[in-house]
Amino acid sequence: MFPFRIAGLKCERVDGFVKSSDYLPGNTVQSPKFQHSWVAVFMDGHFRLVDPQYGSTCDKFVHEHFFATSPDELILSHFPKDKKWLLMNQPATIEGFESTLKTWPAMFHFNIRPLNMKSVIRTYDGKLSITVLLQNVAVNPQLEYAGPGQEIDSDILEEKIDHEIRDVDNAETYHVTLPQEGNYYFTVYAHVLEECLDVPVFQYRIEYVDELL
């Protein structure tokens, strides 16, 4: 908070929980591991939310996202212990926060919108479809098996994702057929052409339990 006060700005420390880099969707954030602090800075007649620690990274998407972040966007990654720092009119709970998917700043930078915002997707027959709205960006979905049981090769899992592109709707749907029961993580990456790299956008946990067993 010191730099803001040096600049003559009123600011308040906000303590809460964050979905950090090692957080996995479907888990709780209510542990010391995910405690975090950020700042509410009074600018232009109202408080704006800033995360100096996250914003100081060299990652340009993260750097841009965590300065004066919209409360509607920050609520997907940060949850304050004092709810007044939600800076939102609609109510929110820590349980609701935990039940939303994990997101990264690139999702907002590229304006990629998953239709399902739940953190956990359950299937009883091993089949599911995931739709995202996007425009002028290439994305790459990846599936990872988290057990129980032996590891499944990434090439096998890649073959289990069937892409459906609908240019008229600016949407892509991924039809997934899981090879066996268990827990999976489904992550969508955006391709940054000028840097020739993929950056994470959002992530679900998928739980496959055969309803007949």
C-alpha atoms as a PDB file:
ATOM      1  CA  MET A   1       0.000   0.000   0.000  1.00  0.00           C
ATOM      2  CA  PHE A   2       2.998   2.276   0.541  1.00  0.00           C
ATOM      3  CA  PRO A   3       3.356   3.484  -3.092  1.00  0.00           C
ATOM      4  CA  PHE A   4      -0.322   4.488  -3.180  1.00  0.00           C
ATOM      5  CA  ARG A   5      -0.015   6.483   0.036  1.00  0.00           C
ATOM      6  CA  ILE A   6       3.140   8.170  -1.247  1.00  0.00           C
ATOM      7  CA  ALA A   7       1.028   9.254  -4.218  1.00  0.00           C
ATOM      8  CA  GLY A   8      -1.524  10.738  -1.814  1.00  0.00           C
ATOM      9  CA  LEU A   9      -4.203   8.123  -2.470  1.00  0.00           C
ATOM     10  CA  LYS A  10      -6.442   6.719   0.238  1.00  0.00           C
ATOM     11  CA  CYS A  11      -6.196   2.948   0.375  1.00  0.00           C
ATOM     12  CA  GLU A  12      -7.349   0.023   2.484  1.00  0.00           C
ATOM     13  CA  ARG A  13      -5.832  -3.416   2.856  1.00  0.00           C
ATOM     14  CA  VAL A  14      -8.141  -6.252   1.823  1.00  0.00           C
ATOM     15  CA  ASP A  15      -7.562  -9.723   3.278  1.00  0.00           C
ATOM     16  CA  GLY A  16      -9.130 -12.793   1.773  1.00  0.00           C
ATOM     17  CA  PHE A  17      -8.628 -15.894  -0.310  1.00  0.00           C
ATOM     18  CA  VAL A  18      -7.286 -16.329  -3.821  1.00  0.00           C
ATOM     19  CA  LYS A  19      -7.308 -19.073  -6.448  1.00  0.00           C
ATOM     20  CA  SER A  20      -3.542 -19.071  -6.853  1.00  0.00           C
ATOM     21  CA  SER A  21      -1.454 -20.880  -9.466  1.00  0.00           C
ATOM     22  CA  ASP A  22      -1.517 -24.168  -7.550  1.00  0.00           C
ATOM     23  CA  TYR A  23      -5.251 -24.060  -6.800  1.00  0.00           C
ATOM     24  CA  LEU A  24      -7.359 -26.742  -8.478  1.00  0.00           C
ATOM     25  CA  PRO A  25     -11.079 -26.313  -9.206  1.00  0.00           C
ATOM     26  CA  GLY A  26     -13.392 -28.246  -6.926  1.00  0.00           C
ATOM     27  CA  ASN A  27     -11.161 -27.707  -3.885  1.00  0.00           C
ATOM     28  CA  THR A  28     -11.647 -25.289  -1.021  1.00  0.00           C
ATOM     29  CA  VAL A  29      -9.726 -22.029  -0.734  1.00  0.00           C
ATOM     30  CA  GLN A  30     -10.402 -21.792   2.995  1.00  0.00           C
ATOM     31  CA  SER A  31      -6.914 -22.678   4.201  1.00  0.00           C
ATOM     32  CA  PRO A  32      -3.789 -20.664   5.051  1.00  0.00           C
ATOM     33  CA  LYS A  33      -2.275 -21.774   1.730  1.00  0.00           C
ATOM     34  CA  PHE A  34      -4.707 -19.613  -0.224  1.00  0.00           C
ATOM     35  CA  GLN A  35      -4.850 -16.572   2.058  1.00  0.00           C
ATOM     36  CA  HIS A  36      -3.843 -13.401   0.279  1.00  0.00           C
ATOM     37  CA  SER A  37      -4.022  -9.614   0.564  1.00  0.00           C
ATOM     38  CA  TRP A  38      -4.733  -6.931  -2.001  1.00  0.00           C
ATOM     39  CA  VAL A  39      -5.684  -3.248  -1.921  1.00  0.00           C
ATOM     40  CA  ALA A  40      -8.737  -1.043  -2.371  1.00  0.00           C
ATOM     41  CA  VAL A  41      -7.582   2.350  -3.669  1.00  0.00           C
ATOM     42  CA  PHE A  42      -9.833   5.418  -3.654  1.00  0.00           C
ATOM     43  CA  MET A  43      -9.651   6.945  -7.137  1.00  0.00           C
ATOM     44  CA  ASP A  44     -12.003   9.238  -9.031  1.00  0.00           C
ATOM     45  CA  GLY A  45     -14.554   9.270  -6.248  1.00  0.00           C
ATOM     46  CA  HIS A  46     -14.793   5.556  -5.508  1.00  0.00           C
ATOM     47  CA  PHE A  47     -12.712   2.542  -4.486  1.00  0.00           C
ATOM     48  CA  ARG A  48     -10.951   0.458  -7.137  1.00  0.00           C
ATOM     49  CA  LEU A  49      -9.403  -2.965  -6.549  1.00  0.00           C
ATOM     50  CA  VAL A  50      -5.684  -3.506  -7.129  1.00  0.00           C
ATOM     51  CA  ASP A  51      -3.445  -6.521  -6.476  1.00  0.00           C
ATOM     52  CA  PRO A  52       0.133  -5.146  -6.387  1.00  0.00           C
ATOM     53  CA  GLN A  53       1.712  -8.575  -5.830  1.00  0.00           C
ATOM     54  CA  TYR A  54       0.037 -10.205  -8.816  1.00  0.00           C
ATOM     55  CA  GLY A  55       0.252  -7.043 -10.905  1.00  0.00           C
ATOM     56  CA  SER A  56       4.026  -6.849 -10.516  1.00  0.00           C
ATOM     57  CA  THR A  57       4.599 -10.009 -12.562  1.00  0.00           C
ATOM     58  CA  CYS A  58       6.303  -9.914 -15.958  1.00  0.00           C
ATOM     59  CA  ASP A  59       3.321 -11.676 -17.535  1.00  0.00           C
ATOM     60  CA  LYS A  60       1.632  -8.882 -19.504  1.00  0.00           C
ATOM     61  CA  PHE A  61      -1.857 -10.378 -19.178  1.00  0.00           C
ATOM     62  CA  VAL A  62      -1.552 -10.615 -15.396  1.00  0.00           C
ATOM     63  CA  HIS A  63       0.120  -7.202 -15.120  1.00  0.00           C
ATOM     64  CA  GLU A  64      -2.707  -5.464 -16.995  1.00  0.00           C
ATOM     65  CA  HIS A  65      -5.533  -7.365 -15.337  1.00  0.00           C
ATOM     66  CA  PHE A  66      -4.839  -6.700 -11.666  1.00  0.00           C
ATOM     67  CA  PHE A  67      -4.833  -2.902 -11.724  1.00  0.00           C
ATOM     68  CA  ALA A  68      -8.266  -1.350 -11.114  1.00  0.00           C
ATOM     69  CA  THR A  69      -9.871  -4.710 -11.865  1.00  0.00           C
ATOM     70  CA  SER A  70     -13.623  -4.833 -12.358  1.00  0.00           C
ATOM     71  CA  PRO A  71     -15.273  -6.401  -9.268  1.00  0.00           C
ATOM     72  CA  ASP A  72     -17.237  -8.695 -11.600  1.00  0.00           C
ATOM     73  CA  GLU A  73     -13.936 -10.086 -12.879  1.00  0.00           C
ATOM     74  CA  LEU A  74     -11.960 -10.128  -9.631  1.00  0.00           C
ATOM     75  CA  ILE A  75     -14.676 -12.185  -7.916  1.00  0.00           C
ATOM     76  CA  LEU A  76     -13.577 -15.136 -10.061  1.00  0.00           C
ATOM     77  CA  SER A  77     -10.099 -15.191  -8.507  1.00  0.00           C
ATOM     78  CA  HIS A  78     -10.258 -13.190  -5.234  1.00  0.00           C
ATOM     79  CA  PHE A  79     -12.740 -13.368  -2.344  1.00  0.00           C
ATOM     80  CA  PRO A  80     -12.459 -10.902   0.581  1.00  0.00           C
ATOM     81  CA  LYS A  81     -13.123 -11.884   4.177  1.00  0.00           C
ATOM     82  CA  ASP A  82     -14.982  -8.587   4.606  1.00  0.00           C
ATOM     83  CA  LYS A  83     -17.688  -8.665   1.949  1.00  0.00           C
ATOM     84  CA  LYS A  84     -17.876  -4.879   1.699  1.00  0.00           C
ATOM     85  CA  TRP A  85     -14.746  -5.163  -0.455  1.00  0.00           C
ATOM     86  CA  LEU A  86     -16.607  -7.173  -3.040  1.00  0.00           C
ATOM     87  CA  LEU A  87     -17.737  -3.732  -4.277  1.00  0.00           C
ATOM     88  CA  MET A  88     -20.784  -5.440  -5.782  1.00  0.00           C
ATOM     89  CA  ASN A  89     -24.511  -4.944  -5.261  1.00  0.00           C
ATOM     90  CA  GLN A  90     -25.431  -8.607  -5.596  1.00  0.00           C
ATOM     91  CA  PRO A  91     -24.653 -10.942  -2.671  1.00  0.00           C
ATOM     92  CA  ALA A  92     -21.837 -13.478  -2.901  1.00  0.00           C
ATOM     93  CA  THR A  93     -20.642 -16.325  -0.693  1.00  0.00           C
ATOM     94  CA  ILE A  94     -17.362 -18.155  -0.286  1.00  0.00           C
ATOM     95  CA  GLU A  95     -19.177 -21.345  -1.304  1.00  0.00           C
ATOM     96  CA  GLY A  96     -20.296 -19.703  -4.527  1.00  0.00           C
ATOM     97  CA  PHE A  97     -16.737 -18.522  -5.127  1.00  0.00           C
ATOM     98  CA  GLU A  98     -15.413 -22.047  -4.733  1.00  0.00           C
ATOM     99  CA  SER A  99     -18.075 -23.445  -7.042  1.00  0.00           C
ATOM    100  CA  THR A 100     -16.958 -21.334 -10.029  1.00  0.00           C
ATOM    101  CA  LEU A 101     -14.302 -22.474 -12.471  1.00  0.00           C
ATOM    102  CA  LYS A 102     -10.668 -21.392 -12.216  1.00  0.00           C
ATOM    103  CA  THR A 103      -9.817 -18.514 -14.541  1.00  0.00           C
ATOM    104  CA  TRP A 104      -6.688 -16.675 -15.665  1.00  0.00           C
ATOM    105  CA  PRO A 105      -6.389 -13.024 -16.837  1.00  0.00           C
ATOM    106  CA  ALA A 106      -6.028 -14.146 -20.464  1.00  0.00           C
ATOM    107  CA  MET A 107      -9.723 -15.057 -20.432  1.00  0.00           C
ATOM    108  CA  PHE A 108     -10.626 -11.388 -20.092  1.00  0.00           C
ATOM    109  CA  HIS A 109      -7.861 -10.139 -22.370  1.00  0.00           C
ATOM    110  CA  PHE A 110      -9.109 -12.277 -25.265  1.00  0.00           C
ATOM    111  CA  ASN A 111     -12.778 -11.976 -24.274  1.00  0.00           C
ATOM    112  CA  ILE A 112     -13.246 -15.745 -24.094  1.00  0.00           C
ATOM    113  CA  ARG A 113     -16.451 -16.775 -22.351  1.00  0.00           C
ATOM    114  CA  PRO A 114     -17.238 -20.339 -21.244  1.00  0.00           C
ATOM    115  CA  LEU A 115     -20.995 -20.964 -21.103  1.00  0.00           C
ATOM    116  CA  ASN A 116     -20.660 -23.166 -18.028  1.00  0.00           C
ATOM    117  CA  MET A 117     -19.134 -21.292 -15.094  1.00  0.00           C
ATOM    118  CA  LYS A 118     -19.243 -24.185 -12.606  1.00  0.00           C
ATOM    119  CA  SER A 119     -15.959 -25.488 -11.239  1.00  0.00           C
ATOM    120  CA  VAL A 120     -16.937 -29.155 -11.407  1.00  0.00           C
ATOM    121  CA  ILE A 121     -18.644 -30.964 -14.278  1.00  0.00           C
ATOM    122  CA  ARG A 122     -20.033 -34.428 -13.498  1.00  0.00           C
ATOM    123  CA  THR A 123     -20.750 -37.139 -16.013  1.00  0.00           C
ATOM    124  CA  TYR A 124     -22.253 -40.590 -15.503  1.00  0.00           C
ATOM    125  CA  ASP A 125     -21.557 -41.997 -18.961  1.00  0.00           C
ATOM    126  CA  GLY A 126     -18.176 -40.433 -19.700  1.00  0.00           C
ATOM    127  CA  LYS A 127     -19.540 -38.015 -22.284  1.00  0.00           C
ATOM    128  CA  LEU A 128     -19.878 -34.232 -22.038  1.00  0.00           C
ATOM    129  CA  SER A 129     -19.748 -31.085 -24.154  1.00  0.00           C
ATOM    130  CA  ILE A 130     -18.081 -27.779 -23.273  1.00  0.00           C
ATOM    131  CA  THR A 131     -18.899 -24.621 -25.245  1.00  0.00           C
ATOM    132  CA  VAL A 132     -16.963 -21.351 -25.283  1.00  0.00           C
ATOM    133  CA  LEU A 133     -17.707 -18.046 -27.004  1.00  0.00           C
ATOM    134  CA  LEU A 134     -14.695 -16.443 -28.627  1.00  0.00           C
ATOM    135  CA  GLN A 135     -13.584 -14.395 -31.605  1.00  0.00           C
ATOM    136  CA  ASN A 136     -10.270 -13.888 -33.430  1.00  0.00           C
ATOM    137  CA  VAL A 137      -8.271 -16.112 -31.100  1.00  0.00           C
ATOM    138  CA  ALA A 138      -7.005 -19.665 -31.459  1.00  0.00           C
ATOM    139  CA  VAL A 139      -7.516 -21.925 -28.459  1.00  0.00           C
ATOM    140  CA  ASN A 140      -6.233 -25.337 -27.484  1.00  0.00           C
ATOM    141  CA  PRO A 141      -8.118 -27.552 -24.996  1.00  0.00           C
ATOM    142  CA  GLN A 142      -6.169 -30.082 -22.945  1.00  0.00           C
ATOM    143  CA  LEU A 143      -7.378 -32.981 -20.833  1.00  0.00           C
ATOM    144  CA  GLU A 144      -5.416 -34.381 -17.890  1.00  0.00           C
ATOM    145  CA  TYR A 145      -6.249 -37.505 -15.880  1.00  0.00           C
ATOM    146  CA  ALA A 146      -5.898 -37.029 -12.111  1.00  0.00           C
ATOM    147  CA  GLY A 147      -6.695 -40.565 -10.936  1.00  0.00           C
ATOM    148  CA  PRO A 148      -7.338 -42.798  -9.227  1.00  0.00           C
ATOM    149  CA  GLY A 149      -5.404 -45.364 -11.179  1.00  0.00           C
ATOM    150  CA  GLN A 150      -2.512 -45.309 -13.582  1.00  0.00           C
ATOM    151  CA  GLU A 151      -1.583 -42.249 -15.599  1.00  0.00           C
ATOM    152  CA  ILE A 152      -3.179 -41.914 -19.047  1.00  0.00           C
ATOM    153  CA  ASP A 153      -0.956 -40.749 -21.897  1.00  0.00           C
ATOM    154  CA  SER A 154      -1.654 -37.172 -23.054  1.00  0.00           C
ATOM    155  CA  ASP A 155      -1.822 -38.276 -26.708  1.00  0.00           C
ATOM    156  CA  ILE A 156      -4.630 -40.700 -25.877  1.00  0.00           C
ATOM    157  CA  LEU A 157      -6.535 -37.986 -24.025  1.00  0.00           C
ATOM    158  CA  GLU A 158      -6.055 -35.535 -26.887  1.00  0.00           C
ATOM    159  CA  GLU A 159      -7.852 -37.959 -29.191  1.00  0.00           C
ATOM    160  CA  LYS A 160     -10.832 -37.953 -26.822  1.00  0.00           C
ATOM    161  CA  ILE A 161     -11.669 -34.295 -27.615  1.00  0.00           C
ATOM    162  CA  ASP A 162     -13.693 -33.626 -30.757  1.00  0.00           C
ATOM    163  CA  HIS A 163     -13.772 -29.957 -31.874  1.00  0.00           C
ATOM    164  CA  GLU A 164     -16.906 -28.359 -33.314  1.00  0.00           C
ATOM    165  CA  ILE A 165     -16.377 -24.827 -34.644  1.00  0.00           C
ATOM    166  CA  ARG A 166     -19.418 -22.632 -35.351  1.00  0.00           C
ATOM    167  CA  ASP A 167     -18.237 -19.443 -37.054  1.00  0.00           C
ATOM    168  CA  VAL A 168     -21.780 -18.045 -37.243  1.00  0.00           C
ATOM    169  CA  ASP A 169     -22.097 -18.141 -33.446  1.00  0.00           C
ATOM    170  CA  ASN A 170     -18.444 -17.282 -32.731  1.00  0.00           C
ATOM    171  CA  ALA A 171     -18.368 -20.439 -30.636  1.00  0.00           C
ATOM    172  CA  GLU A 172     -16.437 -23.657 -30.241  1.00  0.00           C
ATOM    173  CA  THR A 173     -17.783 -26.794 -28.621  1.00  0.00           C
ATOM    174  CA  TYR A 174     -15.569 -29.594 -27.374  1.00  0.00           C
ATOM    175  CA  HIS A 175     -17.233 -33.001 -27.262  1.00  0.00           C
ATOM    176  CA  VAL A 176     -15.322 -35.089 -24.742  1.00  0.00           C
ATOM    177  CA  THR A 177     -15.416 -38.865 -24.360  1.00  0.00           C
ATOM    178  CA  LEU A 178     -13.562 -39.990 -21.261  1.00  0.00           C
ATOM    179  CA  PRO A 179     -11.697 -43.309 -21.483  1.00  0.00           C
ATOM    180  CA  GLN A 180     -12.379 -44.449 -17.906  1.00  0.00           C
ATOM    181  CA  GLU A 181     -13.871 -43.369 -14.601  1.00  0.00           C
ATOM    182  CA  GLY A 182     -12.030 -40.937 -12.373  1.00  0.00           C
ATOM    183  CA  ASN A 183     -11.146 -37.272 -12.032  1.00  0.00           C
ATOM    184  CA  TYR A 184      -9.884 -35.097 -14.872  1.00  0.00           C
ATOM    185  CA  TYR A 185      -8.864 -31.478 -15.398  1.00  0.00           C
ATOM    186  CA  PHE A 186      -9.945 -29.762 -18.588  1.00  0.00           C
ATOM    187  CA  THR A 187      -7.953 -26.617 -19.371  1.00  0.00           C
ATOM    188  CA  VAL A 188      -8.347 -24.251 -22.306  1.00  0.00           C
ATOM    189  CA  TYR A 189      -5.268 -22.362 -23.538  1.00  0.00           C
ATOM    190  CA  ALA A 190      -5.175 -19.339 -25.839  1.00  0.00           C
ATOM    191  CA  HIS A 191      -2.456 -19.136 -28.466  1.00  0.00           C
ATOM    192  CA  VAL A 192      -0.497 -15.873 -28.466  1.00  0.00           C
ATOM    193  CA  LEU A 193       0.647 -15.669 -32.065  1.00  0.00           C
ATOM    194  CA  GLU A 194       3.258 -12.917 -31.722  1.00  0.00           C
ATOM    195  CA  GLU A 195       4.990 -14.761 -28.872  1.00  0.00           C
ATOM    196  CA  CYS A 196       4.332 -18.279 -30.170  1.00  0.00           C
ATOM    197  CA  LEU A 197       3.105 -19.592 -26.840  1.00  0.00           C
ATOM    198  CA  ASP A 198      -0.061 -20.873 -25.196  1.00  0.00           C
ATOM    199  CA  VAL A 199      -1.406 -19.233 -22.031  1.00  0.00           C
ATOM    200  CA  PRO A 200      -4.056 -20.747 -19.727  1.00  0.00           C
ATOM    201  CA  VAL A 201      -7.564 -19.297 -19.893  1.00  0.00           C
ATOM    202  CA  PHE A 202      -9.845 -21.385 -17.678  1.00  0.00           C
ATOM    203  CA  GLN A 203     -10.053 -24.814 -16.074  1.00  0.00           C
ATOM    204  CA  TYR A 204     -12.714 -27.288 -14.961  1.00  0.00           C
ATOM    205  CA  ARG A 205     -12.580 -30.409 -12.872  1.00  0.00           C
ATOM    206  CA  ILE A 206     -14.465 -33.315 -14.452  1.00  0.00           C
ATOM    207  CA  GLU A 207     -15.747 -36.189 -12.317  1.00  0.00           C
ATOM    208  CA  TYR A 208     -16.748 -39.377 -14.112  1.00  0.00           C
ATOM    209  CA  VAL A 209     -18.641 -41.952 -12.067  1.00  0.00           C
ATOM    210  CA  ASP A 210     -20.546 -44.746 -13.836  1.00  0.00           C
ATOM    211  CA  GLU A 211     -24.153 -44.493 -12.658  1.00  0.00           C
ATOM    212  CA  LEU A 212     -24.681 -48.217 -13.217  1.00  0.00           C
ATOM    213  CA  LEU A 213     -22.068 -49.254 -10.684  1.00  0.00           C
END
